Amino acid sequence: MRTNKFRNKFEENVSLILKDYCEYEPSRYDYIVKKKYIPDFVGQSEDKLLLIECKGFFRVGDTKKYTSIRDSLSDDKELIFILYNPNKKLRKGSKMNMGEWCDKEGIRWFTLNNIKNVFE
């Protein structure tokens, strides 16, 4: 049992009552949030359905949203970004830009200059 590492006084008080019955935060559990995603464009390559998202910037929560979408797709679907400016920072103060984030996450990205390469 974790001792004296409670997040707040209320949890500590509850632990005093439940100490003989329960452990405090002994493990983690995955969960899934079901949402709907509508891609900006959908196209077909030789072997995959391409879900194409046009991004000028990422809102708070977008990086998690898109990695979750990517992770939920079957092997015959692929999430692809068309970035307005791949050098734009992910957020204020970030060292990583949008193109670097896509590279890190294994998500192919293109710009207006090479957009037709999506289908090659």
N, C-alpha and C. Protein backbone atom coordinates (compact mmCIF):
# COMPACT_ATOMS: atom_id res chain seq x y z
N MET A 1 0.84 -1.19 0.00
CA MET A 1 0.00 0.00 0.00
C MET A 1 0.89 1.25 0.00
N ARG A 2 0.50 2.21 -0.81
CA ARG A 2 1.18 3.50 -0.83
C ARG A 2 0.87 4.23 0.47
N THR A 3 1.85 4.75 1.13
CA THR A 3 1.59 5.42 2.41
C THR A 3 1.88 6.91 2.30
N ASN A 4 0.99 7.69 2.87
CA ASN A 4 1.16 9.15 2.96
C ASN A 4 1.43 9.83 1.63
N LYS A 5 0.84 9.33 0.56
CA LYS A 5 1.03 9.93 -0.76
C LYS A 5 -0.32 10.26 -1.39
N PHE A 6 -1.22 10.77 -0.61
CA PHE A 6 -2.56 11.05 -1.10
C PHE A 6 -2.59 12.36 -1.88
N ARG A 7 -3.53 12.46 -2.78
CA ARG A 7 -3.65 13.66 -3.61
C ARG A 7 -4.28 14.83 -2.84
N ASN A 8 -5.04 14.49 -1.82
CA ASN A 8 -5.67 15.55 -1.02
C ASN A 8 -6.08 14.98 0.34
N LYS A 9 -6.52 15.85 1.21
CA LYS A 9 -6.89 15.47 2.58
C LYS A 9 -8.11 14.55 2.58
N PHE A 10 -9.05 14.77 1.66
CA PHE A 10 -10.24 13.94 1.59
C PHE A 10 -9.86 12.48 1.32
N GLU A 11 -8.99 12.24 0.31
CA GLU A 11 -8.54 10.87 0.03
C GLU A 11 -7.84 10.26 1.25
N GLU A 12 -7.07 11.05 1.94
CA GLU A 12 -6.39 10.55 3.14
C GLU A 12 -7.40 10.13 4.21
N ASN A 13 -8.44 10.93 4.39
CA ASN A 13 -9.48 10.60 5.37
C ASN A 13 -10.24 9.33 4.97
N VAL A 14 -10.54 9.19 3.69
CA VAL A 14 -11.21 7.98 3.21
C VAL A 14 -10.31 6.77 3.45
N SER A 15 -9.02 6.92 3.22
CA SER A 15 -8.10 5.80 3.39
C SER A 15 -8.06 5.29 4.83
N LEU A 16 -8.26 6.20 5.78
CA LEU A 16 -8.27 5.79 7.18
C LEU A 16 -9.44 4.84 7.48
N ILE A 17 -10.54 5.03 6.76
CA ILE A 17 -11.71 4.18 6.94
C ILE A 17 -11.57 2.88 6.14
N LEU A 18 -10.99 2.97 4.94
CA LEU A 18 -10.92 1.81 4.04
C LEU A 18 -9.61 1.03 4.12
N LYS A 19 -8.70 1.43 4.99
CA LYS A 19 -7.36 0.84 5.00
C LYS A 19 -7.34 -0.68 5.15
N ASP A 20 -8.31 -1.23 5.85
CA ASP A 20 -8.35 -2.69 6.02
C ASP A 20 -9.01 -3.40 4.85
N TYR A 21 -9.59 -2.64 3.92
CA TYR A 21 -10.36 -3.22 2.82
C TYR A 21 -9.78 -2.93 1.43
N CYS A 22 -9.05 -1.86 1.32
CA CYS A 22 -8.63 -1.39 0.00
C CYS A 22 -7.18 -0.92 0.01
N GLU A 23 -6.58 -0.94 -1.19
CA GLU A 23 -5.27 -0.32 -1.41
C GLU A 23 -5.49 1.02 -2.11
N TYR A 24 -4.61 1.94 -1.85
CA TYR A 24 -4.70 3.26 -2.50
C TYR A 24 -3.89 3.25 -3.79
N GLU A 25 -4.56 3.51 -4.91
CA GLU A 25 -3.97 3.61 -6.24
C GLU A 25 -2.94 2.51 -6.52
N PRO A 26 -3.34 1.24 -6.43
CA PRO A 26 -2.37 0.16 -6.64
C PRO A 26 -2.06 -0.12 -8.11
N SER A 27 -2.93 0.30 -9.03
CA SER A 27 -2.70 -0.01 -10.44
C SER A 27 -3.43 0.98 -11.34
N ARG A 28 -3.14 0.88 -12.64
CA ARG A 28 -3.76 1.75 -13.65
C ARG A 28 -4.63 0.90 -14.56
N TYR A 29 -5.66 1.53 -15.12
CA TYR A 29 -6.58 0.85 -16.02
C TYR A 29 -6.79 1.70 -17.27
N ASP A 30 -6.66 1.09 -18.42
CA ASP A 30 -6.92 1.79 -19.68
C ASP A 30 -8.42 2.01 -19.84
N TYR A 31 -8.79 3.08 -20.49
CA TYR A 31 -10.19 3.28 -20.85
C TYR A 31 -10.26 3.96 -22.21
N ILE A 32 -11.39 3.82 -22.84
CA ILE A 32 -11.60 4.35 -24.18
C ILE A 32 -12.76 5.34 -24.13
N VAL A 33 -12.57 6.47 -24.76
CA VAL A 33 -13.63 7.45 -24.91
C VAL A 33 -14.12 7.35 -26.35
N LYS A 34 -15.39 7.01 -26.53
CA LYS A 34 -15.95 6.86 -27.87
C LYS A 34 -16.36 8.24 -28.39
N LYS A 35 -15.82 8.60 -29.54
CA LYS A 35 -16.15 9.85 -30.20
C LYS A 35 -16.32 9.56 -31.68
N LYS A 36 -16.83 10.51 -32.41
CA LYS A 36 -16.96 10.40 -33.87
C LYS A 36 -15.97 11.36 -34.51
N TYR A 37 -15.38 10.92 -35.60
CA TYR A 37 -14.40 11.72 -36.33
C TYR A 37 -14.86 11.86 -37.78
N ILE A 38 -14.86 13.07 -38.28
CA ILE A 38 -15.18 13.33 -39.68
C ILE A 38 -13.95 13.94 -40.32
N PRO A 39 -13.24 13.19 -41.19
CA PRO A 39 -12.06 13.74 -41.85
C PRO A 39 -12.45 14.82 -42.85
N ASP A 40 -11.51 15.72 -43.14
CA ASP A 40 -11.78 16.77 -44.12
C ASP A 40 -11.96 16.20 -45.52
N PHE A 41 -11.13 15.23 -45.88
CA PHE A 41 -11.20 14.58 -47.20
C PHE A 41 -10.96 13.09 -47.02
N VAL A 42 -11.54 12.31 -47.91
CA VAL A 42 -11.30 10.86 -47.93
C VAL A 42 -10.95 10.48 -49.36
N GLY A 43 -9.85 9.75 -49.51
CA GLY A 43 -9.41 9.30 -50.83
C GLY A 43 -8.94 7.87 -50.74
N GLN A 44 -8.69 7.29 -51.90
CA GLN A 44 -8.25 5.90 -51.95
C GLN A 44 -6.91 5.81 -52.64
N SER A 45 -5.93 5.18 -51.97
CA SER A 45 -4.68 4.85 -52.63
C SER A 45 -4.82 3.42 -53.14
N GLU A 46 -3.73 2.83 -53.59
CA GLU A 46 -3.82 1.46 -54.09
C GLU A 46 -4.32 0.50 -53.04
N ASP A 47 -3.88 0.67 -51.79
CA ASP A 47 -4.20 -0.32 -50.77
C ASP A 47 -4.85 0.23 -49.49
N LYS A 48 -5.06 1.55 -49.43
CA LYS A 48 -5.61 2.12 -48.20
C LYS A 48 -6.63 3.21 -48.48
N LEU A 49 -7.57 3.32 -47.55
CA LEU A 49 -8.46 4.45 -47.52
C LEU A 49 -7.73 5.56 -46.77
N LEU A 50 -7.59 6.71 -47.37
CA LEU A 50 -6.83 7.82 -46.79
C LEU A 50 -7.77 8.83 -46.16
N LEU A 51 -7.60 9.05 -44.88
CA LEU A 51 -8.37 10.06 -44.15
C LEU A 51 -7.47 11.28 -44.03
N ILE A 52 -7.83 12.33 -44.74
CA ILE A 52 -6.95 13.50 -44.89
C ILE A 52 -7.49 14.66 -44.07
N GLU A 53 -6.61 15.21 -43.24
CA GLU A 53 -6.95 16.31 -42.35
C GLU A 53 -6.09 17.52 -42.69
N CYS A 54 -6.73 18.66 -42.95
CA CYS A 54 -6.03 19.92 -43.24
C CYS A 54 -5.85 20.69 -41.94
N LYS A 55 -4.60 21.01 -41.60
CA LYS A 55 -4.34 21.67 -40.32
C LYS A 55 -3.47 22.91 -40.50
N GLY A 56 -3.96 24.02 -39.98
CA GLY A 56 -3.17 25.24 -39.91
C GLY A 56 -2.53 25.38 -38.54
N PHE A 57 -3.17 24.79 -37.54
CA PHE A 57 -2.66 24.81 -36.17
C PHE A 57 -3.35 23.70 -35.39
N PHE A 58 -2.79 23.37 -34.25
CA PHE A 58 -3.40 22.38 -33.36
C PHE A 58 -4.04 23.11 -32.17
N ARG A 59 -5.29 22.79 -31.91
CA ARG A 59 -5.95 23.29 -30.71
C ARG A 59 -5.51 22.44 -29.52
N VAL A 60 -5.78 22.91 -28.33
CA VAL A 60 -5.51 22.13 -27.12
C VAL A 60 -6.25 20.80 -27.24
N GLY A 61 -5.54 19.72 -27.02
CA GLY A 61 -6.15 18.40 -27.09
C GLY A 61 -6.07 17.73 -28.44
N ASP A 62 -5.71 18.47 -29.49
CA ASP A 62 -5.68 17.88 -30.84
C ASP A 62 -4.64 16.77 -30.99
N THR A 63 -3.48 16.93 -30.39
CA THR A 63 -2.45 15.89 -30.57
C THR A 63 -2.93 14.57 -30.00
N LYS A 64 -3.56 14.60 -28.85
CA LYS A 64 -4.11 13.38 -28.25
C LYS A 64 -5.25 12.84 -29.12
N LYS A 65 -6.09 13.72 -29.60
CA LYS A 65 -7.21 13.32 -30.46
C LYS A 65 -6.70 12.57 -31.68
N TYR A 66 -5.71 13.13 -32.36
CA TYR A 66 -5.25 12.52 -33.61
C TYR A 66 -4.44 11.25 -33.38
N THR A 67 -3.71 11.15 -32.29
CA THR A 67 -3.02 9.88 -32.02
C THR A 67 -4.06 8.81 -31.67
N SER A 68 -5.13 9.19 -30.99
CA SER A 68 -6.20 8.23 -30.68
C SER A 68 -6.90 7.77 -31.95
N ILE A 69 -7.15 8.70 -32.86
CA ILE A 69 -7.78 8.33 -34.14
C ILE A 69 -6.85 7.39 -34.89
N ARG A 70 -5.58 7.75 -35.00
CA ARG A 70 -4.60 6.90 -35.69
C ARG A 70 -4.58 5.50 -35.09
N ASP A 71 -4.55 5.42 -33.78
CA ASP A 71 -4.45 4.13 -33.10
C ASP A 71 -5.71 3.28 -33.26
N SER A 72 -6.84 3.91 -33.55
CA SER A 72 -8.09 3.15 -33.66
C SER A 72 -8.37 2.68 -35.09
N LEU A 73 -7.57 3.13 -36.05
CA LEU A 73 -7.83 2.77 -37.45
C LEU A 73 -7.34 1.36 -37.76
N SER A 74 -8.08 0.67 -38.60
CA SER A 74 -7.66 -0.64 -39.09
C SER A 74 -6.51 -0.45 -40.08
N ASP A 75 -5.83 -1.55 -40.40
CA ASP A 75 -4.64 -1.49 -41.27
C ASP A 75 -4.94 -0.99 -42.68
N ASP A 76 -6.20 -1.02 -43.08
CA ASP A 76 -6.55 -0.57 -44.43
C ASP A 76 -6.95 0.91 -44.48
N LYS A 77 -6.70 1.63 -43.38
CA LYS A 77 -6.98 3.07 -43.33
C LYS A 77 -5.75 3.80 -42.79
N GLU A 78 -5.56 5.04 -43.26
CA GLU A 78 -4.41 5.84 -42.82
C GLU A 78 -4.82 7.29 -42.63
N LEU A 79 -4.41 7.87 -41.51
CA LEU A 79 -4.61 9.29 -41.25
C LEU A 79 -3.42 10.05 -41.82
N ILE A 80 -3.70 11.08 -42.60
CA ILE A 80 -2.67 11.90 -43.23
C ILE A 80 -3.01 13.37 -42.99
N PHE A 81 -1.98 14.19 -42.79
CA PHE A 81 -2.18 15.62 -42.62
C PHE A 81 -1.68 16.38 -43.83
N ILE A 82 -2.43 17.41 -44.20
CA ILE A 82 -1.97 18.45 -45.12
C ILE A 82 -1.75 19.66 -44.21
N LEU A 83 -0.48 20.05 -44.03
CA LEU A 83 -0.15 21.13 -43.10
C LEU A 83 0.03 22.45 -43.85
N TYR A 84 -0.61 23.48 -43.35
CA TYR A 84 -0.47 24.81 -43.93
C TYR A 84 0.96 25.30 -43.77
N ASN A 85 1.53 25.10 -42.58
CA ASN A 85 2.92 25.48 -42.30
C ASN A 85 3.52 24.45 -41.35
N PRO A 86 4.27 23.48 -41.88
CA PRO A 86 4.82 22.43 -41.02
C PRO A 86 5.82 22.96 -39.99
N ASN A 87 6.33 24.17 -40.17
CA ASN A 87 7.29 24.76 -39.23
C ASN A 87 6.63 25.50 -38.07
N LYS A 88 5.30 25.59 -38.09
CA LYS A 88 4.58 26.26 -37.01
C LYS A 88 4.72 25.43 -35.73
N LYS A 89 5.00 26.09 -34.63
CA LYS A 89 5.16 25.41 -33.35
C LYS A 89 3.83 24.76 -32.93
N LEU A 90 3.94 23.64 -32.24
CA LEU A 90 2.74 22.94 -31.76
C LEU A 90 1.89 23.85 -30.89
N ARG A 91 2.53 24.59 -30.02
CA ARG A 91 1.85 25.54 -29.15
C ARG A 91 2.88 26.57 -28.71
N LYS A 92 2.44 27.63 -28.12
CA LYS A 92 3.33 28.68 -27.66
C LYS A 92 4.37 28.10 -26.70
N GLY A 93 5.63 28.35 -26.96
CA GLY A 93 6.70 27.88 -26.11
C GLY A 93 7.19 26.48 -26.43
N SER A 94 6.54 25.81 -27.35
CA SER A 94 6.95 24.44 -27.71
C SER A 94 8.23 24.46 -28.52
N LYS A 95 9.07 23.46 -28.33
CA LYS A 95 10.29 23.32 -29.13
C LYS A 95 10.00 22.55 -30.41
N MET A 96 8.89 21.81 -30.43
CA MET A 96 8.56 20.96 -31.57
C MET A 96 7.56 21.66 -32.48
N ASN A 97 7.77 21.52 -33.80
CA ASN A 97 6.80 22.09 -34.73
C ASN A 97 5.85 20.99 -35.22
N MET A 98 4.86 21.38 -36.01
CA MET A 98 3.82 20.45 -36.44
C MET A 98 4.39 19.31 -37.30
N GLY A 99 5.31 19.62 -38.20
CA GLY A 99 5.92 18.59 -39.02
C GLY A 99 6.72 17.60 -38.19
N GLU A 100 7.45 18.11 -37.22
CA GLU A 100 8.23 17.24 -36.33
C GLU A 100 7.33 16.33 -35.50
N TRP A 101 6.21 16.89 -35.05
CA TRP A 101 5.27 16.08 -34.28
C TRP A 101 4.72 14.93 -35.14
N CYS A 102 4.34 15.26 -36.37
CA CYS A 102 3.84 14.21 -37.29
C CYS A 102 4.91 13.14 -37.50
N ASP A 103 6.14 13.56 -37.73
CA ASP A 103 7.24 12.60 -37.92
C ASP A 103 7.39 11.71 -36.69
N LYS A 104 7.39 12.33 -35.51
CA LYS A 104 7.54 11.59 -34.26
C LYS A 104 6.43 10.56 -34.09
N GLU A 105 5.22 10.91 -34.50
CA GLU A 105 4.06 10.03 -34.33
C GLU A 105 3.86 9.07 -35.50
N GLY A 106 4.72 9.17 -36.52
CA GLY A 106 4.59 8.27 -37.65
C GLY A 106 3.39 8.57 -38.53
N ILE A 107 2.99 9.82 -38.56
CA ILE A 107 1.86 10.25 -39.39
C ILE A 107 2.42 10.99 -40.60
N ARG A 108 2.10 10.48 -41.78
CA ARG A 108 2.59 11.16 -43.00
C ARG A 108 1.92 12.52 -43.12
N TRP A 109 2.71 13.49 -43.61
CA TRP A 109 2.18 14.84 -43.80
C TRP A 109 2.69 15.41 -45.11
N PHE A 110 1.92 16.34 -45.64
CA PHE A 110 2.23 17.00 -46.90
C PHE A 110 1.88 18.47 -46.77
N THR A 111 2.23 19.25 -47.79
CA THR A 111 1.87 20.66 -47.85
C THR A 111 1.17 20.89 -49.19
N LEU A 112 0.74 22.12 -49.43
CA LEU A 112 0.13 22.44 -50.73
C LEU A 112 1.10 22.18 -51.87
N ASN A 113 2.40 22.31 -51.60
CA ASN A 113 3.42 22.14 -52.64
C ASN A 113 3.57 20.69 -53.09
N ASN A 114 3.31 19.73 -52.21
CA ASN A 114 3.50 18.33 -52.60
C ASN A 114 2.27 17.46 -52.33
N ILE A 115 1.11 18.10 -52.27
CA ILE A 115 -0.13 17.42 -51.90
C ILE A 115 -0.46 16.23 -52.81
N LYS A 116 -0.12 16.32 -54.06
CA LYS A 116 -0.47 15.22 -54.99
C LYS A 116 0.36 13.96 -54.70
N ASN A 117 1.47 14.10 -53.96
CA ASN A 117 2.27 12.93 -53.60
C ASN A 117 1.53 11.98 -52.65
N VAL A 118 0.44 12.46 -52.05
CA VAL A 118 -0.36 11.60 -51.17
C VAL A 118 -0.76 10.34 -51.91
N PHE A 119 -1.06 10.47 -53.19
CA PHE A 119 -1.61 9.35 -53.96
C PHE A 119 -0.57 8.61 -54.78
N GLU A 120 0.69 8.96 -54.63
CA GLU A 120 1.74 8.27 -55.38
C GLU A 120 2.37 7.16 -54.58
